[in-house]
C-alpha atoms as a PDB file:
ATOM      1  CA  MET A   1      24.042 -22.349   4.157  1.00  0.00           C
ATOM      2  CA  ARG A   2      20.735 -24.773   5.120  1.00  0.00           C
ATOM      3  CA  ASP A   3      21.562 -24.528   8.894  1.00  0.00           C
ATOM      4  CA  SER A   4      21.230 -20.285   9.002  1.00  0.00           C
ATOM      5  CA  ASN A   5      18.069 -20.908   6.880  1.00  0.00           C
ATOM      6  CA  TRP A   6      17.181 -23.633   8.918  1.00  0.00           C
ATOM      7  CA  LYS A   7      17.928 -21.047  12.040  1.00  0.00           C
ATOM      8  CA  LYS A   8      15.702 -18.016  10.490  1.00  0.00           C
ATOM      9  CA  MET A   9      12.844 -20.620   9.543  1.00  0.00           C
ATOM     10  CA  VAL A  10      12.763 -22.020  13.716  1.00  0.00           C
ATOM     11  CA  GLY A  11      13.379 -18.323  14.880  1.00  0.00           C
ATOM     12  CA  ILE A  12      10.795 -16.849  13.154  1.00  0.00           C
ATOM     13  CA  VAL A  13       7.814 -18.034  15.278  1.00  0.00           C
ATOM     14  CA  LYS A  14       8.864 -17.039  18.181  1.00  0.00           C
ATOM     15  CA  THR A  15       9.465 -13.763  16.396  1.00  0.00           C
ATOM     16  CA  LEU A  16       6.208 -13.612  14.977  1.00  0.00           C
ATOM     17  CA  ILE A  17       4.447 -14.533  18.229  1.00  0.00           C
ATOM     18  CA  LYS A  18       5.989 -11.534  20.224  1.00  0.00           C
ATOM     19  CA  LYS A  19       5.214  -9.192  17.383  1.00  0.00           C
ATOM     20  CA  HIS A  20       1.124 -10.376  17.394  1.00  0.00           C
ATOM     21  CA  ALA A  21       0.840 -10.092  20.933  1.00  0.00           C
ATOM     22  CA  ARG A  22       2.163  -6.675  20.980  1.00  0.00           C
ATOM     23  CA  ALA A  23       0.054  -5.909  18.610  1.00  0.00           C
ATOM     24  CA  ALA A  24      -3.231  -6.956  19.940  1.00  0.00           C
ATOM     25  CA  LYS A  25      -1.850  -5.106  23.546  1.00  0.00           C
ATOM     26  CA  GLY A  26      -1.271  -2.296  21.151  1.00  0.00           C
ATOM     27  CA  VAL A  27      -4.837  -2.294  19.389  1.00  0.00           C
ATOM     28  CA  LYS A  28      -6.961  -3.174  22.942  1.00  0.00           C
ATOM     29  CA  ASP A  29      -5.253  -0.034  24.557  1.00  0.00           C
ATOM     30  CA  THR A  30      -6.127   2.530  21.804  1.00  0.00           C
ATOM     31  CA  LYS A  31      -9.822   1.052  21.330  1.00  0.00           C
ATOM     32  CA  LEU A  32     -11.431   2.985  24.235  1.00  0.00           C
ATOM     33  CA  PRO A  33      -9.636   6.377  22.878  1.00  0.00           C
ATOM     34  CA  TYR A  34     -10.597   5.606  19.362  1.00  0.00           C
ATOM     35  CA  ASP A  35     -13.908   4.544  19.984  1.00  0.00           C
ATOM     36  CA  GLU A  36     -14.709   7.769  22.232  1.00  0.00           C
ATOM     37  CA  LEU A  37     -13.341  10.024  19.728  1.00  0.00           C
ATOM     38  CA  THR A  38     -15.391   8.690  17.184  1.00  0.00           C
ATOM     39  CA  ARG A  39     -18.387   9.398  19.220  1.00  0.00           C
ATOM     40  CA  SER A  40     -17.262  13.104  19.816  1.00  0.00           C
ATOM     41  CA  LEU A  41     -17.168  13.264  15.902  1.00  0.00           C
ATOM     42  CA  ASP A  42     -19.862  14.629  13.576  1.00  0.00           C
ATOM     43  CA  ASP A  43     -21.055  11.940  11.080  1.00  0.00           C
ATOM     44  CA  ASN A  44     -20.632  13.362   7.818  1.00  0.00           C
ATOM     45  CA  LYS A  45     -16.507  14.050   8.633  1.00  0.00           C
ATOM     46  CA  ILE A  46     -16.303  10.211   9.585  1.00  0.00           C
ATOM     47  CA  ILE A  47     -17.827   9.151   6.198  1.00  0.00           C
ATOM     48  CA  MET A  48     -15.888  11.691   4.204  1.00  0.00           C
ATOM     49  CA  TRP A  49     -12.254  10.319   5.728  1.00  0.00           C
ATOM     50  CA  GLU A  50     -13.351   6.681   5.726  1.00  0.00           C
ATOM     51  CA  ARG A  51     -14.181   7.445   1.613  1.00  0.00           C
ATOM     52  CA  ASP A  52     -10.943   9.082   1.323  1.00  0.00           C
ATOM     53  CA  GLU A  53      -8.989   6.177   2.851  1.00  0.00           C
ATOM     54  CA  LYS A  54     -10.655   3.947   0.782  1.00  0.00           C
ATOM     55  CA  LEU A  55      -9.288   5.927  -2.595  1.00  0.00           C
ATOM     56  CA  ALA A  56      -6.028   5.984  -1.019  1.00  0.00           C
ATOM     57  CA  MET A  57      -5.610   2.420  -0.933  1.00  0.00           C
ATOM     58  CA  GLU A  58      -7.197   2.153  -4.150  1.00  0.00           C
ATOM     59  CA  LYS A  59      -5.495   4.319  -5.961  1.00  0.00           C
ATOM     60  CA  ARG A  60      -2.399   4.504  -4.559  1.00  0.00           C
ATOM     61  CA  GLY A  61       0.428   7.682  -5.707  1.00  0.00           C
ATOM     62  CA  GLU A  62      -1.013  11.142  -5.204  1.00  0.00           C
ATOM     63  CA  TYR A  63      -3.897  10.085  -2.889  1.00  0.00           C
ATOM     64  CA  LEU A  64      -2.058   8.962   0.084  1.00  0.00           C
ATOM     65  CA  ASP A  65      -1.473  12.680   0.681  1.00  0.00           C
ATOM     66  CA  VAL A  66      -4.702  12.034   2.598  1.00  0.00           C
ATOM     67  CA  TYR A  67      -2.427  10.958   5.279  1.00  0.00           C
ATOM     68  CA  GLN A  68       0.115  13.491   5.167  1.00  0.00           C
ATOM     69  CA  LEU A  69      -0.501  16.407   8.535  1.00  0.00           C
ATOM     70  CA  LYS A  70      -2.402  19.526   7.430  1.00  0.00           C
ATOM     71  CA  ILE A  71      -0.781  22.229   9.465  1.00  0.00           C
ATOM     72  CA  ASP A  72      -2.002  26.399   9.128  1.00  0.00           C
ATOM     73  CA  LYS A  73       0.625  28.020  10.473  1.00  0.00           C
ATOM     74  CA  GLY A  74       0.014  31.111  12.211  1.00  0.00           C
ATOM     75  CA  LYS A  75       2.207  34.542  11.492  1.00  0.00           C
ATOM     76  CA  VAL A  76       5.697  35.016  12.419  1.00  0.00           C
ATOM     77  CA  ILE A  77       6.398  37.861  13.538  1.00  0.00           C
ATOM     78  CA  CYS A  78      10.163  38.673  14.646  1.00  0.00           C
ATOM     79  CA  TYR A  79      11.263  41.637  16.200  1.00  0.00           C
ATOM     80  CA  PHE A  80      15.518  42.409  15.603  1.00  0.00           C
ATOM     81  CA  MET A  81      17.062  44.674  18.272  1.00  0.00           C
ATOM     82  CA  LYS A  82      19.511  47.039  17.221  1.00  0.00           C
ATOM     83  CA  LYS A  83      22.743  47.300  18.889  1.00  0.00           C
ATOM     84  CA  THR A  84      23.453  50.711  19.586  1.00  0.00           C
END
């Protein structure tokens, strides 16, 4: 049992280093598009989003719904053809 736990503990260092490197690369790759998007948005909208995010992290629960996508669905028009 001890040997198994020791192997896990030793192996986790390598795993965490890989995950950190992958996360750092992801941050680097997304920084430029994030900055461009932020510059193109209205300042008031950004302030509102940051306030909503802070509230969601503090209160949790239903406040986390701010992260759900809100999609306006268009009308669906179906035509059924009768076979005669």
